[in-house]
Amino acid sequence: MAVKRTGQMSFVEAFLGKRAVGSSGILDRIGSLVKWYRFEKLLGGLNHGGPGHPGWPALVLYKALLLQSLYGLSDRELEEALADRLSFRRFVGLALDETVPDHTVL
């Protein structure tokens, strides 16, 4: 299965800088303290090959589920929050112009 590529900065994000686009102290702190490459290595085996649309990277979905747990959100609320809150998008690794995972994926 192909995997979507995420996390590339758009021109607007690069121009404004990280502080101006969706700054959240606690999420920035968590993001800087956790060694995400280790989780990515563990979750890398979950991407199975197959036909269909490219799947979401496992680390993006894991971070989204972490936000869901931290903030007590339902799947639909998490989808709305990812679409609305810039700090959530940054934490998960989605650029401003990228779509968010549907609530059925979450």
PDB file of N, CA and C in Angstrom:
ATOM      1  N   MET A   1       0.844  -1.167   0.000  1.00  0.00           N
ATOM      2  CA  MET A   1       0.000   0.000   0.000  1.00  0.00           C
ATOM      3  C   MET A   1       0.891   1.233   0.000  1.00  0.00           C
ATOM      4  N   ALA A   2       0.557   2.164  -0.826  1.00  0.00           N
ATOM      5  CA  ALA A   2       1.282   3.416  -0.845  1.00  0.00           C
ATOM      6  C   ALA A   2       0.937   4.221   0.402  1.00  0.00           C
ATOM      7  N   VAL A   3       1.865   5.059   0.820  1.00  0.00           N
ATOM      8  CA  VAL A   3       1.655   5.875   2.005  1.00  0.00           C
ATOM      9  C   VAL A   3       1.723   7.337   1.604  1.00  0.00           C
ATOM     10  N   LYS A   4       0.773   8.130   2.107  1.00  0.00           N
ATOM     11  CA  LYS A   4       0.748   9.558   1.813  1.00  0.00           C
ATOM     12  C   LYS A   4       1.973  10.217   2.412  1.00  0.00           C
ATOM     13  N   ARG A   5       2.483  11.204   1.701  1.00  0.00           N
ATOM     14  CA  ARG A   5       3.592  11.984   2.220  1.00  0.00           C
ATOM     15  C   ARG A   5       3.008  13.206   2.917  1.00  0.00           C
ATOM     16  N   THR A   6       3.437  13.449   4.132  1.00  0.00           N
ATOM     17  CA  THR A   6       2.917  14.566   4.907  1.00  0.00           C
ATOM     18  C   THR A   6       4.059  15.363   5.503  1.00  0.00           C
ATOM     19  N   GLY A   7       3.714  16.539   6.015  1.00  0.00           N
ATOM     20  CA  GLY A   7       4.678  17.301   6.788  1.00  0.00           C
ATOM     21  C   GLY A   7       5.499  18.315   6.038  1.00  0.00           C
ATOM     22  N   GLN A   8       5.361  18.407   4.723  1.00  0.00           N
ATOM     23  CA  GLN A   8       6.135  19.392   3.999  1.00  0.00           C
ATOM     24  C   GLN A   8       5.523  20.769   4.206  1.00  0.00           C
ATOM     25  N   MET A   9       6.362  21.739   4.559  1.00  0.00           N
ATOM     26  CA  MET A   9       5.882  23.087   4.812  1.00  0.00           C
ATOM     27  C   MET A   9       5.405  23.753   3.534  1.00  0.00           C
ATOM     28  N   SER A  10       4.304  24.487   3.646  1.00  0.00           N
ATOM     29  CA  SER A  10       3.852  25.284   2.518  1.00  0.00           C
ATOM     30  C   SER A  10       4.613  26.605   2.527  1.00  0.00           C
ATOM     31  N   PHE A  11       4.448  27.387   1.479  1.00  0.00           N
ATOM     32  CA  PHE A  11       5.121  28.676   1.389  1.00  0.00           C
ATOM     33  C   PHE A  11       4.695  29.586   2.535  1.00  0.00           C
ATOM     34  N   VAL A  12       3.406  29.584   2.839  1.00  0.00           N
ATOM     35  CA  VAL A  12       2.880  30.443   3.908  1.00  0.00           C
ATOM     36  C   VAL A  12       3.488  30.055   5.250  1.00  0.00           C
ATOM     37  N   GLU A  13       3.561  28.756   5.538  1.00  0.00           N
ATOM     38  CA  GLU A  13       4.136  28.296   6.799  1.00  0.00           C
ATOM     39  C   GLU A  13       5.612  28.662   6.900  1.00  0.00           C
ATOM     40  N   ALA A  14       6.337  28.515   5.813  1.00  0.00           N
ATOM     41  CA  ALA A  14       7.758  28.864   5.814  1.00  0.00           C
ATOM     42  C   ALA A  14       7.949  30.365   5.988  1.00  0.00           C
ATOM     43  N   PHE A  15       7.087  31.145   5.398  1.00  0.00           N
ATOM     44  CA  PHE A  15       7.182  32.602   5.475  1.00  0.00           C
ATOM     45  C   PHE A  15       6.854  33.110   6.876  1.00  0.00           C
ATOM     46  N   LEU A  16       5.813  32.559   7.493  1.00  0.00           N
ATOM     47  CA  LEU A  16       5.368  33.029   8.801  1.00  0.00           C
ATOM     48  C   LEU A  16       6.208  32.493   9.946  1.00  0.00           C
ATOM     49  N   GLY A  17       6.761  31.311   9.780  1.00  0.00           N
ATOM     50  CA  GLY A  17       7.540  30.715  10.860  1.00  0.00           C
ATOM     51  C   GLY A  17       6.650  29.919  11.794  1.00  0.00           C
ATOM     52  N   LYS A  18       7.258  29.100  12.622  1.00  0.00           N
ATOM     53  CA  LYS A  18       6.500  28.192  13.485  1.00  0.00           C
ATOM     54  C   LYS A  18       5.744  28.916  14.590  1.00  0.00           C
ATOM     55  N   ARG A  19       6.266  29.977  15.108  1.00  0.00           N
ATOM     56  CA  ARG A  19       5.606  30.677  16.213  1.00  0.00           C
ATOM     57  C   ARG A  19       4.297  31.323  15.775  1.00  0.00           C
ATOM     58  N   ALA A  20       4.221  31.789  14.550  1.00  0.00           N
ATOM     59  CA  ALA A  20       3.021  32.483  14.086  1.00  0.00           C
ATOM     60  C   ALA A  20       1.930  31.511  13.654  1.00  0.00           C
ATOM     61  N   VAL A  21       2.290  30.294  13.318  1.00  0.00           N
ATOM     62  CA  VAL A  21       1.324  29.333  12.790  1.00  0.00           C
ATOM     63  C   VAL A  21       1.038  28.260  13.830  1.00  0.00           C
ATOM     64  N   GLY A  22      -0.034  28.422  14.569  1.00  0.00           N
ATOM     65  CA  GLY A  22      -0.521  27.380  15.465  1.00  0.00           C
ATOM     66  C   GLY A  22       0.407  26.997  16.587  1.00  0.00           C
ATOM     67  N   SER A  23       0.807  27.938  17.376  1.00  0.00           N
ATOM     68  CA  SER A  23       1.692  27.643  18.488  1.00  0.00           C
ATOM     69  C   SER A  23       0.890  27.174  19.695  1.00  0.00           C
ATOM     70  N   SER A  24       1.293  26.072  20.261  1.00  0.00           N
ATOM     71  CA  SER A  24       0.693  25.566  21.489  1.00  0.00           C
ATOM     72  C   SER A  24       1.823  25.092  22.378  1.00  0.00           C
ATOM     73  N   GLY A  25       1.987  25.721  23.523  1.00  0.00           N
ATOM     74  CA  GLY A  25       3.111  25.428  24.395  1.00  0.00           C
ATOM     75  C   GLY A  25       3.239  23.973  24.772  1.00  0.00           C
ATOM     76  N   ILE A  26       2.156  23.362  25.240  1.00  0.00           N
ATOM     77  CA  ILE A  26       2.234  21.976  25.717  1.00  0.00           C
ATOM     78  C   ILE A  26       2.507  21.004  24.566  1.00  0.00           C
ATOM     79  N   LEU A  27       1.862  21.215  23.420  1.00  0.00           N
ATOM     80  CA  LEU A  27       2.085  20.306  22.288  1.00  0.00           C
ATOM     81  C   LEU A  27       3.479  20.477  21.706  1.00  0.00           C
ATOM     82  N   ASP A  28       3.975  21.708  21.668  1.00  0.00           N
ATOM     83  CA  ASP A  28       5.345  21.939  21.207  1.00  0.00           C
ATOM     84  C   ASP A  28       6.344  21.256  22.143  1.00  0.00           C
ATOM     85  N   ARG A  29       6.063  21.319  23.437  1.00  0.00           N
ATOM     86  CA  ARG A  29       6.958  20.693  24.415  1.00  0.00           C
ATOM     87  C   ARG A  29       6.956  19.172  24.266  1.00  0.00           C
ATOM     88  N   ILE A  30       5.778  18.593  24.130  1.00  0.00           N
ATOM     89  CA  ILE A  30       5.686  17.144  23.933  1.00  0.00           C
ATOM     90  C   ILE A  30       6.406  16.747  22.649  1.00  0.00           C
ATOM     91  N   GLY A  31       6.160  17.514  21.586  1.00  0.00           N
ATOM     92  CA  GLY A  31       6.789  17.215  20.301  1.00  0.00           C
ATOM     93  C   GLY A  31       8.300  17.263  20.345  1.00  0.00           C
ATOM     94  N   SER A  32       8.842  18.165  21.173  1.00  0.00           N
ATOM     95  CA  SER A  32      10.298  18.275  21.240  1.00  0.00           C
ATOM     96  C   SER A  32      10.920  17.251  22.204  1.00  0.00           C
ATOM     97  N   LEU A  33      10.156  16.797  23.189  1.00  0.00           N
ATOM     98  CA  LEU A  33      10.702  15.853  24.161  1.00  0.00           C
ATOM     99  C   LEU A  33      10.681  14.401  23.695  1.00  0.00           C
ATOM    100  N   VAL A  34       9.687  14.037  22.909  1.00  0.00           N
ATOM    101  CA  VAL A  34       9.519  12.651  22.482  1.00  0.00           C
ATOM    102  C   VAL A  34      10.391  12.369  21.259  1.00  0.00           C
ATOM    103  N   LYS A  35      11.022  11.236  21.258  1.00  0.00           N
ATOM    104  CA  LYS A  35      11.827  10.806  20.103  1.00  0.00           C
ATOM    105  C   LYS A  35      10.904  10.048  19.151  1.00  0.00           C
ATOM    106  N   TRP A  36      10.258  10.789  18.243  1.00  0.00           N
ATOM    107  CA  TRP A  36       9.228  10.225  17.372  1.00  0.00           C
ATOM    108  C   TRP A  36       9.779   9.196  16.397  1.00  0.00           C
ATOM    109  N   TYR A  37      11.053   9.287  16.057  1.00  0.00           N
ATOM    110  CA  TYR A  37      11.621   8.315  15.117  1.00  0.00           C
ATOM    111  C   TYR A  37      11.553   6.899  15.673  1.00  0.00           C
ATOM    112  N   ARG A  38      11.602   6.772  16.998  1.00  0.00           N
ATOM    113  CA  ARG A  38      11.487   5.442  17.602  1.00  0.00           C
ATOM    114  C   ARG A  38      10.090   4.867  17.417  1.00  0.00           C
ATOM    115  N   PHE A  39       9.070   5.721  17.586  1.00  0.00           N
ATOM    116  CA  PHE A  39       7.696   5.278  17.357  1.00  0.00           C
ATOM    117  C   PHE A  39       7.485   4.957  15.880  1.00  0.00           C
ATOM    118  N   GLU A  40       8.069   5.787  15.031  1.00  0.00           N
ATOM    119  CA  GLU A  40       7.937   5.563  13.587  1.00  0.00           C
ATOM    120  C   GLU A  40       8.542   4.224  13.188  1.00  0.00           C
ATOM    121  N   LYS A  41       9.650   3.872  13.816  1.00  0.00           N
ATOM    122  CA  LYS A  41      10.296   2.591  13.545  1.00  0.00           C
ATOM    123  C   LYS A  41       9.403   1.431  14.000  1.00  0.00           C
ATOM    124  N   LEU A  42       8.805   1.558  15.197  1.00  0.00           N
ATOM    125  CA  LEU A  42       7.915   0.512  15.711  1.00  0.00           C
ATOM    126  C   LEU A  42       6.640   0.379  14.894  1.00  0.00           C
ATOM    127  N   LEU A  43       6.092   1.516  14.464  1.00  0.00           N
ATOM    128  CA  LEU A  43       4.832   1.516  13.733  1.00  0.00           C
ATOM    129  C   LEU A  43       5.009   1.259  12.238  1.00  0.00           C
ATOM    130  N   GLY A  44       6.240   1.268  11.760  1.00  0.00           N
ATOM    131  CA  GLY A  44       6.511   1.100  10.338  1.00  0.00           C
ATOM    132  C   GLY A  44       6.005  -0.212   9.771  1.00  0.00           C
ATOM    133  N   GLY A  45       5.926  -1.239  10.565  1.00  0.00           N
ATOM    134  CA  GLY A  45       5.467  -2.538  10.095  1.00  0.00           C
ATOM    135  C   GLY A  45       3.966  -2.619   9.890  1.00  0.00           C
ATOM    136  N   LEU A  46       3.236  -1.584  10.281  1.00  0.00           N
ATOM    137  CA  LEU A  46       1.781  -1.610  10.138  1.00  0.00           C
ATOM    138  C   LEU A  46       1.309  -1.276   8.726  1.00  0.00           C
ATOM    139  N   ASN A  47       2.169  -0.688   7.911  1.00  0.00           N
ATOM    140  CA  ASN A  47       1.796  -0.341   6.539  1.00  0.00           C
ATOM    141  C   ASN A  47       1.941  -1.566   5.647  1.00  0.00           C
ATOM    142  N   HIS A  48       0.810  -2.135   5.255  1.00  0.00           N
ATOM    143  CA  HIS A  48       0.825  -3.312   4.402  1.00  0.00           C
ATOM    144  C   HIS A  48       0.563  -2.901   2.962  1.00  0.00           C
ATOM    145  N   GLY A  49       1.183  -3.592   2.037  1.00  0.00           N
ATOM    146  CA  GLY A  49       0.984  -3.307   0.625  1.00  0.00           C
ATOM    147  C   GLY A  49      -0.380  -3.774   0.156  1.00  0.00           C
ATOM    148  N   GLY A  50      -0.883  -3.131  -0.876  1.00  0.00           N
ATOM    149  CA  GLY A  50      -2.176  -3.511  -1.415  1.00  0.00           C
ATOM    150  C   GLY A  50      -2.728  -2.433  -2.326  1.00  0.00           C
ATOM    151  N   PRO A  51      -3.797  -2.756  -3.020  1.00  0.00           N
ATOM    152  CA  PRO A  51      -4.381  -1.779  -3.928  1.00  0.00           C
ATOM    153  C   PRO A  51      -5.181  -0.721  -3.163  1.00  0.00           C
ATOM    154  N   GLY A  52      -5.529   0.329  -3.861  1.00  0.00           N
ATOM    155  CA  GLY A  52      -6.368   1.363  -3.255  1.00  0.00           C
ATOM    156  C   GLY A  52      -5.628   2.673  -3.100  1.00  0.00           C
ATOM    157  N   HIS A  53      -6.289   3.599  -2.444  1.00  0.00           N
ATOM    158  CA  HIS A  53      -5.704   4.909  -2.203  1.00  0.00           C
ATOM    159  C   HIS A  53      -4.554   4.794  -1.220  1.00  0.00           C
ATOM    160  N   PRO A  54      -3.599   5.710  -1.299  1.00  0.00           N
ATOM    161  CA  PRO A  54      -2.510   5.680  -0.326  1.00  0.00           C
ATOM    162  C   PRO A  54      -3.041   5.839   1.095  1.00  0.00           C
ATOM    163  N   GLY A  55      -2.482   5.093   2.016  1.00  0.00           N
ATOM    164  CA  GLY A  55      -2.902   5.180   3.408  1.00  0.00           C
ATOM    165  C   GLY A  55      -2.164   6.282   4.138  1.00  0.00           C
ATOM    166  N   TRP A  56      -2.672   6.637   5.292  1.00  0.00           N
ATOM    167  CA  TRP A  56      -2.026   7.645   6.123  1.00  0.00           C
ATOM    168  C   TRP A  56      -0.812   7.025   6.805  1.00  0.00           C
ATOM    169  N   PRO A  57       0.256   7.804   6.974  1.00  0.00           N
ATOM    170  CA  PRO A  57       1.403   7.277   7.715  1.00  0.00           C
ATOM    171  C   PRO A  57       0.984   6.900   9.133  1.00  0.00           C
ATOM    172  N   ALA A  58       1.507   5.809   9.621  1.00  0.00           N
ATOM    173  CA  ALA A  58       1.120   5.306  10.936  1.00  0.00           C
ATOM    174  C   ALA A  58       1.448   6.308  12.044  1.00  0.00           C
ATOM    175  N   LEU A  59       2.545   7.052  11.907  1.00  0.00           N
ATOM    176  CA  LEU A  59       2.923   8.019  12.933  1.00  0.00           C
ATOM    177  C   LEU A  59       1.920   9.174  12.998  1.00  0.00           C
ATOM    178  N   VAL A  60       1.398   9.602  11.867  1.00  0.00           N
ATOM    179  CA  VAL A  60       0.382  10.669  11.840  1.00  0.00           C
ATOM    180  C   VAL A  60      -0.860  10.200  12.591  1.00  0.00           C
ATOM    181  N   LEU A  61      -1.306   8.985  12.313  1.00  0.00           N
ATOM    182  CA  LEU A  61      -2.493   8.456  12.985  1.00  0.00           C
ATOM    183  C   LEU A  61      -2.231   8.237  14.467  1.00  0.00           C
ATOM    184  N   TYR A  62      -1.035   7.794  14.829  1.00  0.00           N
ATOM    185  CA  TYR A  62      -0.694   7.589  16.235  1.00  0.00           C
ATOM    186  C   TYR A  62      -0.735   8.920  16.997  1.00  0.00           C
ATOM    187  N   LYS A  63      -0.148   9.951  16.404  1.00  0.00           N
ATOM    188  CA  LYS A  63      -0.165  11.263  17.052  1.00  0.00           C
ATOM    189  C   LYS A  63      -1.588  11.796  17.168  1.00  0.00           C
ATOM    190  N   ALA A  64      -2.417  11.549  16.161  1.00  0.00           N
ATOM    191  CA  ALA A  64      -3.813  11.977  16.217  1.00  0.00           C
ATOM    192  C   ALA A  64      -4.542  11.265  17.350  1.00  0.00           C
ATOM    193  N   LEU A  65      -4.305   9.977  17.502  1.00  0.00           N
ATOM    194  CA  LEU A  65      -4.934   9.228  18.605  1.00  0.00           C
ATOM    195  C   LEU A  65      -4.420   9.690  19.967  1.00  0.00           C
ATOM    196  N   LEU A  66      -3.175  10.108  20.020  1.00  0.00           N
ATOM    197  CA  LEU A  66      -2.635  10.661  21.262  1.00  0.00           C
ATOM    198  C   LEU A  66      -3.370  11.954  21.620  1.00  0.00           C
ATOM    199  N   LEU A  67      -3.595  12.818  20.629  1.00  0.00           N
ATOM    200  CA  LEU A  67      -4.367  14.045  20.861  1.00  0.00           C
ATOM    201  C   LEU A  67      -5.785  13.719  21.313  1.00  0.00           C
ATOM    202  N   GLN A  68      -6.372  12.723  20.681  1.00  0.00           N
ATOM    203  CA  GLN A  68      -7.731  12.315  21.033  1.00  0.00           C
ATOM    204  C   GLN A  68      -7.796  11.900  22.501  1.00  0.00           C
ATOM    205  N   SER A  69      -6.815  11.156  22.942  1.00  0.00           N
ATOM    206  CA  SER A  69      -6.778  10.705  24.325  1.00  0.00           C
ATOM    207  C   SER A  69      -6.518  11.861  25.286  1.00  0.00           C
ATOM    208  N   LEU A  70      -5.578  12.740  24.941  1.00  0.00           N
ATOM    209  CA  LEU A  70      -5.235  13.856  25.820  1.00  0.00           C
ATOM    210  C   LEU A  70      -6.391  14.833  26.009  1.00  0.00           C
ATOM    211  N   TYR A  71      -7.157  15.067  24.950  1.00  0.00           N
ATOM    212  CA  TYR A  71      -8.217  16.067  24.990  1.00  0.00           C
ATOM    213  C   TYR A  71      -9.617  15.473  25.117  1.00  0.00           C
ATOM    214  N   GLY A  72      -9.738  14.147  25.213  1.00  0.00           N
ATOM    215  CA  GLY A  72     -11.030  13.504  25.396  1.00  0.00           C
ATOM    216  C   GLY A  72     -11.994  13.750  24.246  1.00  0.00           C
ATOM    217  N   LEU A  73     -11.514  13.566  23.025  1.00  0.00           N
ATOM    218  CA  LEU A  73     -12.319  13.844  21.832  1.00  0.00           C
ATOM    219  C   LEU A  73     -12.867  12.564  21.227  1.00  0.00           C
ATOM    220  N   SER A  74     -14.049  12.661  20.622  1.00  0.00           N
ATOM    221  CA  SER A  74     -14.573  11.551  19.832  1.00  0.00           C
ATOM    222  C   SER A  74     -13.867  11.567  18.474  1.00  0.00           C
ATOM    223  N   ASP A  75     -14.132  10.554  17.652  1.00  0.00           N
ATOM    224  CA  ASP A  75     -13.507  10.503  16.334  1.00  0.00           C
ATOM    225  C   ASP A  75     -13.912  11.707  15.486  1.00  0.00           C
ATOM    226  N   ARG A  76     -15.182  12.057  15.487  1.00  0.00           N
ATOM    227  CA  ARG A  76     -15.662  13.215  14.718  1.00  0.00           C
ATOM    228  C   ARG A  76     -15.082  14.522  15.259  1.00  0.00           C
ATOM    229  N   GLU A  77     -15.017  14.642  16.576  1.00  0.00           N
ATOM    230  CA  GLU A  77     -14.441  15.848  17.170  1.00  0.00           C
ATOM    231  C   GLU A  77     -12.958  15.966  16.848  1.00  0.00           C
ATOM    232  N   LEU A  78     -12.261  14.855  16.810  1.00  0.00           N
ATOM    233  CA  LEU A  78     -10.846  14.874  16.457  1.00  0.00           C
ATOM    234  C   LEU A  78     -10.665  15.313  15.014  1.00  0.00           C
ATOM    235  N   GLU A  79     -11.503  14.805  14.115  1.00  0.00           N
ATOM    236  CA  GLU A  79     -11.429  15.220  12.717  1.00  0.00           C
ATOM    237  C   GLU A  79     -11.651  16.728  12.593  1.00  0.00           C
ATOM    238  N   GLU A  80     -12.659  17.254  13.285  1.00  0.00           N
ATOM    239  CA  GLU A  80     -12.940  18.691  13.249  1.00  0.00           C
ATOM    240  C   GLU A  80     -11.791  19.495  13.855  1.00  0.00           C
ATOM    241  N   ALA A  81     -11.235  19.006  14.955  1.00  0.00           N
ATOM    242  CA  ALA A  81     -10.132  19.713  15.605  1.00  0.00           C
ATOM    243  C   ALA A  81      -8.895  19.736  14.713  1.00  0.00           C
ATOM    244  N   LEU A  82      -8.614  18.635  14.031  1.00  0.00           N
ATOM    245  CA  LEU A  82      -7.467  18.604  13.115  1.00  0.00           C
ATOM    246  C   LEU A  82      -7.667  19.563  11.945  1.00  0.00           C
ATOM    247  N   ALA A  83      -8.906  19.702  11.508  1.00  0.00           N
ATOM    248  CA  ALA A  83      -9.192  20.615  10.406  1.00  0.00           C
ATOM    249  C   ALA A  83      -9.159  22.074  10.868  1.00  0.00           C
ATOM    250  N   ASP A  84      -9.456  22.313  12.158  1.00  0.00           N
ATOM    251  CA  ASP A  84      -9.626  23.671  12.660  1.00  0.00           C
ATOM    252  C   ASP A  84      -8.413  24.222  13.404  1.00  0.00           C
ATOM    253  N   ARG A  85      -7.785  23.419  14.236  1.00  0.00           N
ATOM    254  CA  ARG A  85      -6.720  23.901  15.117  1.00  0.00           C
ATOM    255  C   ARG A  85      -5.348  23.721  14.487  1.00  0.00           C
ATOM    256  N   LEU A  86      -4.667  24.822  14.295  1.00  0.00           N
ATOM    257  CA  LEU A  86      -3.343  24.782  13.678  1.00  0.00           C
ATOM    258  C   LEU A  86      -2.325  24.073  14.559  1.00  0.00           C
ATOM    259  N   SER A  87      -2.482  24.204  15.867  1.00  0.00           N
ATOM    260  CA  SER A  87      -1.539  23.532  16.765  1.00  0.00           C
ATOM    261  C   SER A  87      -1.664  22.015  16.651  1.00  0.00           C
ATOM    262  N   PHE A  88      -2.887  21.517  16.467  1.00  0.00           N
ATOM    263  CA  PHE A  88      -3.080  20.074  16.277  1.00  0.00           C
ATOM    264  C   PHE A  88      -2.449  19.624  14.964  1.00  0.00           C
ATOM    265  N   ARG A  89      -2.636  20.408  13.904  1.00  0.00           N
ATOM    266  CA  ARG A  89      -2.060  20.061  12.601  1.00  0.00           C
ATOM    267  C   ARG A  89      -0.540  19.990  12.694  1.00  0.00           C
ATOM    268  N   ARG A  90       0.059  20.972  13.360  1.00  0.00           N
ATOM    269  CA  ARG A  90       1.513  20.985  13.498  1.00  0.00           C
ATOM    270  C   ARG A  90       1.999  19.794  14.294  1.00  0.00           C
ATOM    271  N   PHE A  91       1.320  19.472  15.387  1.00  0.00           N
ATOM    272  CA  PHE A  91       1.736  18.354  16.229  1.00  0.00           C
ATOM    273  C   PHE A  91       1.690  17.038  15.462  1.00  0.00           C
ATOM    274  N   VAL A  92       0.629  16.846  14.694  1.00  0.00           N
ATOM    275  CA  VAL A  92       0.453  15.606  13.940  1.00  0.00           C
ATOM    276  C   VAL A  92       1.399  15.544  12.743  1.00  0.00           C
ATOM    277  N   GLY A  93       1.742  16.711  12.195  1.00  0.00           N
ATOM    278  CA  GLY A  93       2.645  16.757  11.049  1.00  0.00           C
ATOM    279  C   GLY A  93       1.949  17.008   9.733  1.00  0.00           C
ATOM    280  N   LEU A  94       0.813  17.698   9.776  1.00  0.00           N
ATOM    281  CA  LEU A  94       0.073  18.023   8.555  1.00  0.00           C
ATOM    282  C   LEU A  94       0.278  19.481   8.199  1.00  0.00           C
ATOM    283  N   ALA A  95       0.543  19.742   6.932  1.00  0.00           N
ATOM    284  CA  ALA A  95       0.685  21.115   6.450  1.00  0.00           C
ATOM    285  C   ALA A  95      -0.698  21.759   6.338  1.00  0.00           C
ATOM    286  N   LEU A  96      -0.720  23.071   6.171  1.00  0.00           N
ATOM    287  CA  LEU A  96      -1.981  23.807   6.088  1.00  0.00           C
ATOM    288  C   LEU A  96      -2.835  23.387   4.904  1.00  0.00           C
ATOM    289  N   ASP A  97      -2.202  23.028   3.813  1.00  0.00           N
ATOM    290  CA  ASP A  97      -2.952  22.697   2.597  1.00  0.00           C
ATOM    291  C   ASP A  97      -3.273  21.208   2.466  1.00  0.00           C
ATOM    292  N   GLU A  98      -2.895  20.398   3.447  1.00  0.00           N
ATOM    293  CA  GLU A  98      -3.181  18.964   3.398  1.00  0.00           C
ATOM    294  C   GLU A  98      -4.547  18.660   3.988  1.00  0.00           C
ATOM    295  N   THR A  99      -5.157  17.600   3.480  1.00  0.00           N
ATOM    296  CA  THR A  99      -6.417  17.148   4.050  1.00  0.00           C
ATOM    297  C   THR A  99      -6.138  16.446   5.377  1.00  0.00           C
ATOM    298  N   VAL A 100      -7.172  16.287   6.172  1.00  0.00           N
ATOM    299  CA  VAL A 100      -7.023  15.586   7.456  1.00  0.00           C
ATOM    300  C   VAL A 100      -7.658  14.208   7.343  1.00  0.00           C
ATOM    301  N   PRO A 101      -7.229  13.253   8.157  1.00  0.00           N
ATOM    302  CA  PRO A 101      -7.846  11.935   8.127  1.00  0.00           C
ATOM    303  C   PRO A 101      -9.335  12.025   8.491  1.00  0.00           C
ATOM    304  N   ASP A 102     -10.138  11.285   7.782  1.00  0.00           N
ATOM    305  CA  ASP A 102     -11.569  11.220   8.027  1.00  0.00           C
ATOM    306  C   ASP A 102     -11.820  10.527   9.366  1.00  0.00           C
ATOM    307  N   HIS A 103     -12.978  10.801   9.970  1.00  0.00           N
ATOM    308  CA  HIS A 103     -13.284  10.180  11.267  1.00  0.00           C
ATOM    309  C   HIS A 103     -13.370   8.649  11.166  1.00  0.00           C
ATOM    310  N   THR A 104     -13.674   8.126   9.987  1.00  0.00           N
ATOM    311  CA  THR A 104     -13.721   6.680   9.838  1.00  0.00           C
ATOM    312  C   THR A 104     -12.328   6.069   9.843  1.00  0.00           C
ATOM    313  N   VAL A 105     -11.326   6.844   9.441  1.00  0.00           N
ATOM    314  CA  VAL A 105      -9.931   6.384   9.478  1.00  0.00           C
ATOM    315  C   VAL A 105      -9.425   6.416  10.918  1.00  0.00           C
ATOM    316  N   LEU A 106      -9.845   7.433  11.636  1.00  0.00           N
ATOM    317  CA  LEU A 106      -9.379   7.600  13.020  1.00  0.00           C
ATOM    318  C   LEU A 106     -10.024   6.579  13.927  1.00  0.00           C
TER     319      LEU A 106
END
